[in-house]
Amino acid sequence: MQQNNRDQQEFFNELVRANHASIYRICRAYLYNVSYADDLYQEILYQIWKSIQSFKGKSKVSTWIYRIAINTAIGFNSQNKRHDHLSIPDAYQMPDIEYIPEKMEQEAKLEKLRFCISQLAAQDRLIISLLLEQKSYKEIAEITGASLTNTGVRINRIKERLLNLMEDKK
């Protein structure tokens, strides 16, 4: 029993090491505020730990983790409506003067993109986050439970909406 628990702990640690950045990006896709995203990240890790023994290997581990992360994020948002983000954060309005001009411009563009993504519907934020992680349309469809055709259509609409949001924020 003790060996089994140790194996489970090692498997969990390996999963976290391999997927921590992806899990965190999902958190940021669902929640713009970093402190809330940190809370969600911890909740996702807890849910993965609780579910580890039920993983049957019928899908890729990364797909299984994404599904847990997405379901946890959806539940987290519905339980915590206060996480809606409406205003542009101070960091976007006033960049840090220590950065060189090119870095400052790049950071401002990235922050603007994050803010525009935060204005999308939750499912659209998830889809664009997966796309930004260079997941294939097929993988995105698997993770979200949508058809491949529907996923392609949604991605095109999301890109168009993001482009409009980016242009509006100039």
N, C-alpha and C. Protein backbone atom coordinates (compact mmCIF):
# COMPACT_ATOMS: atom_id res chain seq x y z
N MET A 1 0.83 -1.20 0.00
CA MET A 1 0.00 0.00 0.00
C MET A 1 0.87 1.26 0.00
N GLN A 2 1.93 1.26 0.84
CA GLN A 2 2.80 2.41 0.92
C GLN A 2 3.53 2.64 -0.41
N GLN A 3 3.95 1.56 -1.07
CA GLN A 3 4.61 1.67 -2.37
C GLN A 3 3.65 2.25 -3.40
N ASN A 4 2.40 1.81 -3.38
CA ASN A 4 1.39 2.30 -4.31
C ASN A 4 1.18 3.80 -4.13
N ASN A 5 1.13 4.25 -2.88
CA ASN A 5 0.96 5.67 -2.58
C ASN A 5 2.17 6.47 -3.07
N ARG A 6 3.37 5.89 -2.91
CA ARG A 6 4.59 6.55 -3.38
C ARG A 6 4.59 6.63 -4.91
N ASP A 7 4.15 5.56 -5.58
CA ASP A 7 4.05 5.57 -7.04
C ASP A 7 3.06 6.64 -7.50
N GLN A 8 1.95 6.73 -6.79
CA GLN A 8 0.95 7.74 -7.12
C GLN A 8 1.53 9.14 -6.95
N GLN A 9 2.27 9.35 -5.90
CA GLN A 9 2.90 10.65 -5.64
C GLN A 9 3.91 10.98 -6.73
N GLU A 10 4.72 10.00 -7.13
CA GLU A 10 5.70 10.23 -8.19
C GLU A 10 5.01 10.52 -9.52
N PHE A 11 3.95 9.77 -9.82
CA PHE A 11 3.20 10.00 -11.05
C PHE A 11 2.59 11.41 -11.04
N PHE A 12 2.03 11.81 -9.93
CA PHE A 12 1.45 13.14 -9.79
C PHE A 12 2.52 14.21 -10.00
N ASN A 13 3.66 14.06 -9.33
CA ASN A 13 4.74 15.04 -9.47
C ASN A 13 5.21 15.14 -10.92
N GLU A 14 5.30 14.00 -11.58
CA GLU A 14 5.69 13.98 -12.99
C GLU A 14 4.66 14.72 -13.85
N LEU A 15 3.37 14.47 -13.58
CA LEU A 15 2.30 15.16 -14.32
C LEU A 15 2.38 16.67 -14.14
N VAL A 16 2.58 17.08 -12.91
CA VAL A 16 2.65 18.52 -12.63
C VAL A 16 3.85 19.14 -13.32
N ARG A 17 5.01 18.48 -13.24
CA ARG A 17 6.20 19.01 -13.91
C ARG A 17 5.99 19.14 -15.41
N ALA A 18 5.38 18.15 -16.01
CA ALA A 18 5.20 18.14 -17.46
C ALA A 18 4.10 19.08 -17.94
N ASN A 19 3.15 19.39 -17.06
CA ASN A 19 1.96 20.12 -17.52
C ASN A 19 1.68 21.42 -16.78
N HIS A 20 2.56 21.83 -15.88
CA HIS A 20 2.25 22.99 -15.05
C HIS A 20 2.02 24.26 -15.87
N ALA A 21 2.80 24.48 -16.91
CA ALA A 21 2.63 25.70 -17.71
C ALA A 21 1.29 25.68 -18.44
N SER A 22 0.92 24.55 -18.98
CA SER A 22 -0.36 24.43 -19.69
C SER A 22 -1.53 24.63 -18.73
N ILE A 23 -1.44 24.05 -17.55
CA ILE A 23 -2.51 24.20 -16.56
C ILE A 23 -2.63 25.67 -16.17
N TYR A 24 -1.52 26.31 -15.97
CA TYR A 24 -1.56 27.72 -15.57
C TYR A 24 -2.14 28.59 -16.68
N ARG A 25 -1.82 28.28 -17.93
CA ARG A 25 -2.39 29.05 -19.04
C ARG A 25 -3.91 28.89 -19.08
N ILE A 26 -4.40 27.72 -18.77
CA ILE A 26 -5.85 27.53 -18.71
C ILE A 26 -6.42 28.40 -17.59
N CYS A 27 -5.75 28.45 -16.47
CA CYS A 27 -6.21 29.31 -15.37
C CYS A 27 -6.28 30.76 -15.81
N ARG A 28 -5.25 31.22 -16.50
CA ARG A 28 -5.23 32.61 -16.96
C ARG A 28 -6.26 32.85 -18.06
N ALA A 29 -6.57 31.82 -18.82
CA ALA A 29 -7.59 31.96 -19.86
C ALA A 29 -8.96 32.15 -19.23
N TYR A 30 -9.19 31.52 -18.11
CA TYR A 30 -10.48 31.62 -17.44
C TYR A 30 -10.55 32.79 -16.48
N LEU A 31 -9.42 33.20 -15.93
CA LEU A 31 -9.39 34.26 -14.92
C LEU A 31 -8.26 35.22 -15.23
N TYR A 32 -8.58 36.47 -15.44
CA TYR A 32 -7.56 37.46 -15.76
C TYR A 32 -6.72 37.81 -14.53
N ASN A 33 -7.34 37.89 -13.38
CA ASN A 33 -6.65 38.28 -12.15
C ASN A 33 -5.70 37.15 -11.72
N VAL A 34 -4.42 37.48 -11.58
CA VAL A 34 -3.40 36.47 -11.29
C VAL A 34 -3.66 35.78 -9.95
N SER A 35 -4.08 36.51 -8.93
CA SER A 35 -4.27 35.88 -7.62
C SER A 35 -5.41 34.86 -7.66
N TYR A 36 -6.46 35.14 -8.42
CA TYR A 36 -7.54 34.17 -8.57
C TYR A 36 -7.07 32.99 -9.42
N ALA A 37 -6.24 33.27 -10.41
CA ALA A 37 -5.71 32.20 -11.25
C ALA A 37 -4.85 31.25 -10.41
N ASP A 38 -4.12 31.80 -9.46
CA ASP A 38 -3.32 30.95 -8.57
C ASP A 38 -4.21 30.04 -7.73
N ASP A 39 -5.33 30.58 -7.25
CA ASP A 39 -6.28 29.76 -6.49
C ASP A 39 -6.85 28.64 -7.35
N LEU A 40 -7.21 28.99 -8.58
CA LEU A 40 -7.74 28.00 -9.50
C LEU A 40 -6.69 26.93 -9.81
N TYR A 41 -5.44 27.34 -9.99
CA TYR A 41 -4.35 26.40 -10.25
C TYR A 41 -4.26 25.36 -9.14
N GLN A 42 -4.31 25.82 -7.90
CA GLN A 42 -4.25 24.91 -6.76
C GLN A 42 -5.45 23.96 -6.75
N GLU A 43 -6.61 24.47 -7.09
CA GLU A 43 -7.81 23.64 -7.12
C GLU A 43 -7.69 22.57 -8.22
N ILE A 44 -7.13 22.94 -9.36
CA ILE A 44 -6.94 21.97 -10.45
C ILE A 44 -5.97 20.87 -10.02
N LEU A 45 -4.88 21.26 -9.37
CA LEU A 45 -3.93 20.25 -8.90
C LEU A 45 -4.60 19.30 -7.91
N TYR A 46 -5.43 19.83 -7.04
CA TYR A 46 -6.16 19.00 -6.08
C TYR A 46 -7.08 18.02 -6.80
N GLN A 47 -7.78 18.50 -7.83
CA GLN A 47 -8.69 17.64 -8.58
C GLN A 47 -7.93 16.55 -9.35
N ILE A 48 -6.77 16.90 -9.87
CA ILE A 48 -5.94 15.89 -10.56
C ILE A 48 -5.51 14.83 -9.55
N TRP A 49 -5.06 15.27 -8.38
CA TRP A 49 -4.65 14.32 -7.34
C TRP A 49 -5.79 13.39 -6.98
N LYS A 50 -6.98 13.95 -6.79
CA LYS A 50 -8.14 13.14 -6.42
C LYS A 50 -8.51 12.13 -7.52
N SER A 51 -8.25 12.50 -8.77
CA SER A 51 -8.69 11.68 -9.91
C SER A 51 -7.63 10.72 -10.43
N ILE A 52 -6.44 10.80 -9.90
CA ILE A 52 -5.31 10.04 -10.44
C ILE A 52 -5.57 8.54 -10.49
N GLN A 53 -6.22 8.00 -9.49
CA GLN A 53 -6.45 6.55 -9.47
C GLN A 53 -7.53 6.13 -10.46
N SER A 54 -8.36 7.07 -10.89
CA SER A 54 -9.42 6.71 -11.83
C SER A 54 -8.97 6.85 -13.29
N PHE A 55 -7.74 7.34 -13.53
CA PHE A 55 -7.25 7.47 -14.90
C PHE A 55 -7.04 6.08 -15.49
N LYS A 56 -7.73 5.81 -16.58
CA LYS A 56 -7.69 4.47 -17.17
C LYS A 56 -6.79 4.38 -18.40
N GLY A 57 -6.27 5.49 -18.86
CA GLY A 57 -5.39 5.48 -20.01
C GLY A 57 -6.11 5.40 -21.35
N LYS A 58 -7.41 5.68 -21.36
CA LYS A 58 -8.17 5.61 -22.61
C LYS A 58 -7.91 6.83 -23.50
N SER A 59 -7.38 7.89 -22.93
CA SER A 59 -7.00 9.07 -23.70
C SER A 59 -5.57 9.44 -23.29
N LYS A 60 -4.99 10.39 -24.01
CA LYS A 60 -3.66 10.85 -23.65
C LYS A 60 -3.73 11.51 -22.28
N VAL A 61 -2.66 11.43 -21.52
CA VAL A 61 -2.61 12.04 -20.19
C VAL A 61 -2.89 13.54 -20.30
N SER A 62 -2.32 14.20 -21.30
CA SER A 62 -2.52 15.64 -21.44
C SER A 62 -3.99 15.98 -21.68
N THR A 63 -4.68 15.16 -22.47
CA THR A 63 -6.11 15.37 -22.71
C THR A 63 -6.89 15.21 -21.41
N TRP A 64 -6.56 14.19 -20.66
CA TRP A 64 -7.20 13.94 -19.37
C TRP A 64 -6.99 15.13 -18.43
N ILE A 65 -5.78 15.65 -18.38
CA ILE A 65 -5.47 16.80 -17.52
C ILE A 65 -6.24 18.03 -17.99
N TYR A 66 -6.27 18.26 -19.30
CA TYR A 66 -7.02 19.41 -19.82
C TYR A 66 -8.49 19.33 -19.43
N ARG A 67 -9.06 18.15 -19.54
CA ARG A 67 -10.48 18.01 -19.18
C ARG A 67 -10.71 18.31 -17.71
N ILE A 68 -9.85 17.82 -16.86
CA ILE A 68 -9.97 18.12 -15.43
C ILE A 68 -9.83 19.63 -15.22
N ALA A 69 -8.83 20.22 -15.86
CA ALA A 69 -8.58 21.66 -15.70
C ALA A 69 -9.78 22.48 -16.17
N ILE A 70 -10.33 22.12 -17.31
CA ILE A 70 -11.46 22.86 -17.86
C ILE A 70 -12.69 22.71 -16.98
N ASN A 71 -13.01 21.50 -16.60
CA ASN A 71 -14.18 21.28 -15.74
C ASN A 71 -14.02 21.99 -14.40
N THR A 72 -12.82 21.97 -13.85
CA THR A 72 -12.57 22.66 -12.58
C THR A 72 -12.72 24.17 -12.77
N ALA A 73 -12.18 24.69 -13.87
CA ALA A 73 -12.27 26.13 -14.13
C ALA A 73 -13.72 26.57 -14.30
N ILE A 74 -14.50 25.78 -15.01
CA ILE A 74 -15.91 26.12 -15.20
C ILE A 74 -16.63 26.14 -13.85
N GLY A 75 -16.40 25.12 -13.04
CA GLY A 75 -17.01 25.08 -11.72
C GLY A 75 -16.54 26.22 -10.83
N PHE A 76 -15.26 26.53 -10.90
CA PHE A 76 -14.68 27.61 -10.11
C PHE A 76 -15.32 28.94 -10.47
N ASN A 77 -15.49 29.17 -11.77
CA ASN A 77 -16.12 30.41 -12.22
C ASN A 77 -17.57 30.50 -11.79
N SER A 78 -18.30 29.40 -11.88
CA SER A 78 -19.72 29.46 -11.52
C SER A 78 -19.89 29.64 -10.01
N GLN A 79 -18.94 29.15 -9.22
CA GLN A 79 -19.01 29.33 -7.77
C GLN A 79 -18.53 30.72 -7.34
N ASN A 80 -17.74 31.35 -8.16
CA ASN A 80 -17.11 32.63 -7.80
C ASN A 80 -17.36 33.68 -8.87
N LYS A 81 -18.57 34.14 -8.98
CA LYS A 81 -18.91 35.12 -10.01
C LYS A 81 -18.12 36.42 -9.87
N ARG A 82 -17.55 36.66 -8.71
CA ARG A 82 -16.78 37.90 -8.50
C ARG A 82 -15.54 37.96 -9.39
N HIS A 83 -15.20 36.87 -10.05
CA HIS A 83 -13.99 36.83 -10.86
C HIS A 83 -14.16 37.48 -12.23
N ASP A 84 -15.34 38.04 -12.49
CA ASP A 84 -15.52 38.73 -13.77
C ASP A 84 -14.54 39.91 -13.80
N HIS A 85 -13.96 40.14 -14.94
CA HIS A 85 -12.97 41.20 -15.06
C HIS A 85 -13.49 42.22 -16.06
N LEU A 86 -13.60 43.45 -15.61
CA LEU A 86 -14.20 44.47 -16.45
C LEU A 86 -13.24 45.60 -16.80
N SER A 87 -12.34 45.95 -15.91
CA SER A 87 -11.49 47.09 -16.17
C SER A 87 -10.10 46.65 -16.62
N ILE A 88 -9.44 47.54 -17.34
CA ILE A 88 -8.06 47.30 -17.75
C ILE A 88 -7.18 47.45 -16.52
N PRO A 89 -6.31 46.51 -16.26
CA PRO A 89 -5.46 46.61 -15.07
C PRO A 89 -4.47 47.76 -15.17
N ASP A 90 -4.01 48.24 -14.01
CA ASP A 90 -3.06 49.34 -13.97
C ASP A 90 -1.79 49.01 -14.74
N ALA A 91 -1.36 47.76 -14.69
CA ALA A 91 -0.12 47.37 -15.38
C ALA A 91 -0.23 47.61 -16.88
N TYR A 92 -1.44 47.50 -17.43
CA TYR A 92 -1.61 47.75 -18.87
C TYR A 92 -1.60 49.25 -19.15
N GLN A 93 -2.13 50.03 -18.25
CA GLN A 93 -2.21 51.47 -18.45
C GLN A 93 -0.88 52.17 -18.21
N MET A 94 -0.04 51.59 -17.35
CA MET A 94 1.20 52.25 -16.98
C MET A 94 2.35 51.25 -16.97
N PRO A 95 3.06 51.10 -18.10
CA PRO A 95 4.13 50.12 -18.16
C PRO A 95 5.30 50.49 -17.25
N ASP A 96 6.06 49.50 -16.84
CA ASP A 96 7.23 49.67 -15.98
C ASP A 96 8.33 50.36 -16.77
N ILE A 97 8.87 51.45 -16.23
CA ILE A 97 9.86 52.25 -16.97
C ILE A 97 11.24 51.62 -17.00
N GLU A 98 11.46 50.55 -16.26
CA GLU A 98 12.78 49.91 -16.26
C GLU A 98 13.07 49.14 -17.55
N TYR A 99 12.02 48.79 -18.29
CA TYR A 99 12.22 48.01 -19.51
C TYR A 99 12.76 48.88 -20.63
N ILE A 100 13.54 48.26 -21.48
CA ILE A 100 13.97 48.97 -22.68
C ILE A 100 12.75 49.15 -23.58
N PRO A 101 12.76 50.15 -24.46
CA PRO A 101 11.56 50.45 -25.26
C PRO A 101 10.98 49.26 -26.03
N GLU A 102 11.82 48.43 -26.64
CA GLU A 102 11.30 47.30 -27.40
C GLU A 102 10.60 46.29 -26.49
N LYS A 103 11.23 46.02 -25.37
CA LYS A 103 10.66 45.08 -24.41
C LYS A 103 9.35 45.64 -23.85
N MET A 104 9.32 46.92 -23.60
CA MET A 104 8.12 47.57 -23.08
C MET A 104 6.97 47.47 -24.08
N GLU A 105 7.29 47.69 -25.34
CA GLU A 105 6.27 47.59 -26.38
C GLU A 105 5.75 46.16 -26.51
N GLN A 106 6.66 45.19 -26.46
CA GLN A 106 6.28 43.79 -26.54
C GLN A 106 5.41 43.39 -25.35
N GLU A 107 5.79 43.81 -24.16
CA GLU A 107 5.01 43.52 -22.96
C GLU A 107 3.63 44.16 -23.04
N ALA A 108 3.56 45.38 -23.54
CA ALA A 108 2.27 46.08 -23.65
C ALA A 108 1.36 45.35 -24.64
N LYS A 109 1.93 44.88 -25.74
CA LYS A 109 1.12 44.13 -26.72
C LYS A 109 0.62 42.82 -26.14
N LEU A 110 1.49 42.13 -25.41
CA LEU A 110 1.11 40.87 -24.79
C LEU A 110 0.02 41.09 -23.73
N GLU A 111 0.17 42.13 -22.94
CA GLU A 111 -0.84 42.45 -21.93
C GLU A 111 -2.16 42.83 -22.59
N LYS A 112 -2.08 43.55 -23.68
CA LYS A 112 -3.28 43.92 -24.43
C LYS A 112 -3.98 42.67 -24.97
N LEU A 113 -3.20 41.74 -25.50
CA LEU A 113 -3.77 40.49 -26.01
C LEU A 113 -4.42 39.72 -24.86
N ARG A 114 -3.74 39.62 -23.72
CA ARG A 114 -4.33 38.93 -22.56
C ARG A 114 -5.64 39.58 -22.15
N PHE A 115 -5.65 40.91 -22.13
CA PHE A 115 -6.87 41.61 -21.74
C PHE A 115 -7.99 41.32 -22.75
N CYS A 116 -7.67 41.36 -24.04
CA CYS A 116 -8.69 41.09 -25.07
C CYS A 116 -9.19 39.64 -24.95
N ILE A 117 -8.30 38.71 -24.70
CA ILE A 117 -8.71 37.31 -24.50
C ILE A 117 -9.63 37.22 -23.29
N SER A 118 -9.35 37.99 -22.26
CA SER A 118 -10.18 37.94 -21.05
C SER A 118 -11.59 38.45 -21.31
N GLN A 119 -11.79 39.17 -22.39
CA GLN A 119 -13.11 39.68 -22.72
C GLN A 119 -13.96 38.67 -23.49
N LEU A 120 -13.36 37.57 -23.91
CA LEU A 120 -14.08 36.53 -24.63
C LEU A 120 -14.91 35.69 -23.66
N ALA A 121 -15.85 34.96 -24.20
CA ALA A 121 -16.62 34.01 -23.40
C ALA A 121 -15.68 32.91 -22.90
N ALA A 122 -16.03 32.29 -21.79
CA ALA A 122 -15.15 31.31 -21.15
C ALA A 122 -14.72 30.20 -22.11
N GLN A 123 -15.65 29.63 -22.85
CA GLN A 123 -15.30 28.54 -23.77
C GLN A 123 -14.38 29.04 -24.89
N ASP A 124 -14.59 30.27 -25.34
CA ASP A 124 -13.72 30.84 -26.37
C ASP A 124 -12.32 31.11 -25.82
N ARG A 125 -12.24 31.54 -24.56
CA ARG A 125 -10.92 31.74 -23.93
C ARG A 125 -10.16 30.42 -23.87
N LEU A 126 -10.87 29.37 -23.54
CA LEU A 126 -10.25 28.06 -23.48
C LEU A 126 -9.72 27.65 -24.85
N ILE A 127 -10.55 27.78 -25.86
CA ILE A 127 -10.17 27.35 -27.21
C ILE A 127 -8.96 28.14 -27.70
N ILE A 128 -8.96 29.46 -27.52
CA ILE A 128 -7.83 30.25 -28.02
C ILE A 128 -6.57 29.94 -27.21
N SER A 129 -6.72 29.62 -25.94
CA SER A 129 -5.55 29.25 -25.13
C SER A 129 -4.94 27.95 -25.62
N LEU A 130 -5.79 27.01 -25.96
CA LEU A 130 -5.29 25.73 -26.50
C LEU A 130 -4.60 25.95 -27.84
N LEU A 131 -5.17 26.82 -28.66
CA LEU A 131 -4.57 27.13 -29.95
C LEU A 131 -3.20 27.81 -29.75
N LEU A 132 -3.12 28.71 -28.79
CA LEU A 132 -1.85 29.38 -28.51
C LEU A 132 -0.80 28.41 -27.98
N GLU A 133 -1.25 27.30 -27.41
CA GLU A 133 -0.33 26.25 -26.96
C GLU A 133 0.02 25.31 -28.11
N GLN A 134 -0.40 25.66 -29.30
CA GLN A 134 -0.10 24.91 -30.52
C GLN A 134 -0.73 23.53 -30.53
N LYS A 135 -1.91 23.43 -29.91
CA LYS A 135 -2.68 22.19 -29.99
C LYS A 135 -3.34 22.16 -31.37
N SER A 136 -3.45 20.98 -31.94
CA SER A 136 -4.09 20.83 -33.24
C SER A 136 -5.59 21.00 -33.08
N TYR A 137 -6.27 21.25 -34.18
CA TYR A 137 -7.74 21.37 -34.15
C TYR A 137 -8.34 20.07 -33.61
N LYS A 138 -7.73 18.95 -34.00
CA LYS A 138 -8.23 17.66 -33.54
C LYS A 138 -8.10 17.53 -32.02
N GLU A 139 -6.95 17.93 -31.48
CA GLU A 139 -6.74 17.86 -30.03
C GLU A 139 -7.71 18.80 -29.30
N ILE A 140 -7.91 19.98 -29.85
CA ILE A 140 -8.84 20.94 -29.24
C ILE A 140 -10.25 20.37 -29.25
N ALA A 141 -10.63 19.75 -30.35
CA ALA A 141 -11.96 19.14 -30.43
C ALA A 141 -12.10 18.03 -29.39
N GLU A 142 -11.07 17.22 -29.23
CA GLU A 142 -11.08 16.15 -28.23
C GLU A 142 -11.24 16.70 -26.83
N ILE A 143 -10.47 17.72 -26.52
CA ILE A 143 -10.47 18.30 -25.18
C ILE A 143 -11.81 18.96 -24.87
N THR A 144 -12.36 19.68 -25.84
CA THR A 144 -13.60 20.42 -25.59
C THR A 144 -14.85 19.57 -25.81
N GLY A 145 -14.70 18.43 -26.48
CA GLY A 145 -15.86 17.57 -26.74
C GLY A 145 -16.68 18.04 -27.93
N ALA A 146 -16.12 18.92 -28.75
CA ALA A 146 -16.83 19.42 -29.94
C ALA A 146 -16.36 18.65 -31.17
N SER A 147 -17.11 18.80 -32.26
CA SER A 147 -16.70 18.16 -33.51
C SER A 147 -15.53 18.94 -34.10
N LEU A 148 -14.79 18.30 -34.99
CA LEU A 148 -13.65 18.94 -35.64
C LEU A 148 -14.11 20.14 -36.47
N THR A 149 -15.22 19.99 -37.18
CA THR A 149 -15.76 21.08 -38.01
C THR A 149 -16.17 22.25 -37.14
N ASN A 150 -16.90 21.97 -36.07
CA ASN A 150 -17.34 23.02 -35.17
C ASN A 150 -16.14 23.73 -34.56
N THR A 151 -15.10 23.00 -34.22
CA THR A 151 -13.90 23.59 -33.63
C THR A 151 -13.26 24.56 -34.61
N GLY A 152 -13.14 24.16 -35.86
CA GLY A 152 -12.55 25.03 -36.88
C GLY A 152 -13.34 26.32 -37.06
N VAL A 153 -14.66 26.19 -37.11
CA VAL A 153 -15.52 27.37 -37.26
C VAL A 153 -15.37 28.30 -36.05
N ARG A 154 -15.38 27.71 -34.86
CA ARG A 154 -15.25 28.53 -33.64
C ARG A 154 -13.91 29.24 -33.59
N ILE A 155 -12.85 28.55 -33.98
CA ILE A 155 -11.52 29.18 -33.95
C ILE A 155 -11.49 30.37 -34.90
N ASN A 156 -12.04 30.23 -36.08
CA ASN A 156 -12.07 31.35 -37.02
C ASN A 156 -12.86 32.53 -36.45
N ARG A 157 -13.99 32.25 -35.82
CA ARG A 157 -14.81 33.32 -35.22
C ARG A 157 -14.09 33.98 -34.05
N ILE A 158 -13.39 33.17 -33.27
CA ILE A 158 -12.66 33.71 -32.12
C ILE A 158 -11.53 34.62 -32.61
N LYS A 159 -10.81 34.18 -33.63
CA LYS A 159 -9.73 35.01 -34.18
C LYS A 159 -10.27 36.33 -34.69
N GLU A 160 -11.40 36.29 -35.36
CA GLU A 160 -12.02 37.51 -35.87
C GLU A 160 -12.43 38.44 -34.72
N ARG A 161 -13.02 37.86 -33.69
CA ARG A 161 -13.45 38.65 -32.52
C ARG A 161 -12.23 39.26 -31.82
N LEU A 162 -11.16 38.48 -31.68
CA LEU A 162 -9.94 39.00 -31.05
C LEU A 162 -9.33 40.12 -31.87
N LEU A 163 -9.31 39.96 -33.17
CA LEU A 163 -8.77 41.01 -34.03
C LEU A 163 -9.57 42.30 -33.85
N ASN A 164 -10.88 42.18 -33.80
CA ASN A 164 -11.73 43.36 -33.58
C ASN A 164 -11.47 43.98 -32.22
N LEU A 165 -11.33 43.16 -31.19
CA LEU A 165 -11.04 43.69 -29.85
C LEU A 165 -9.69 44.39 -29.81
N MET A 166 -8.68 43.81 -30.47
CA MET A 166 -7.35 44.42 -30.49
C MET A 166 -7.38 45.76 -31.20
N GLU A 167 -8.14 45.84 -32.29
CA GLU A 167 -8.24 47.10 -33.04
C GLU A 167 -9.01 48.15 -32.25
N ASP A 168 -10.02 47.73 -31.54
CA ASP A 168 -10.83 48.66 -30.73
C ASP A 168 -10.02 49.26 -29.58
N LYS A 169 -9.03 48.54 -29.10
CA LYS A 169 -8.26 48.97 -27.93
C LYS A 169 -7.05 49.83 -28.31
N LYS A 170 -6.90 50.17 -29.58
CA LYS A 170 -5.74 50.97 -30.01
C LYS A 170 -5.78 52.35 -29.42
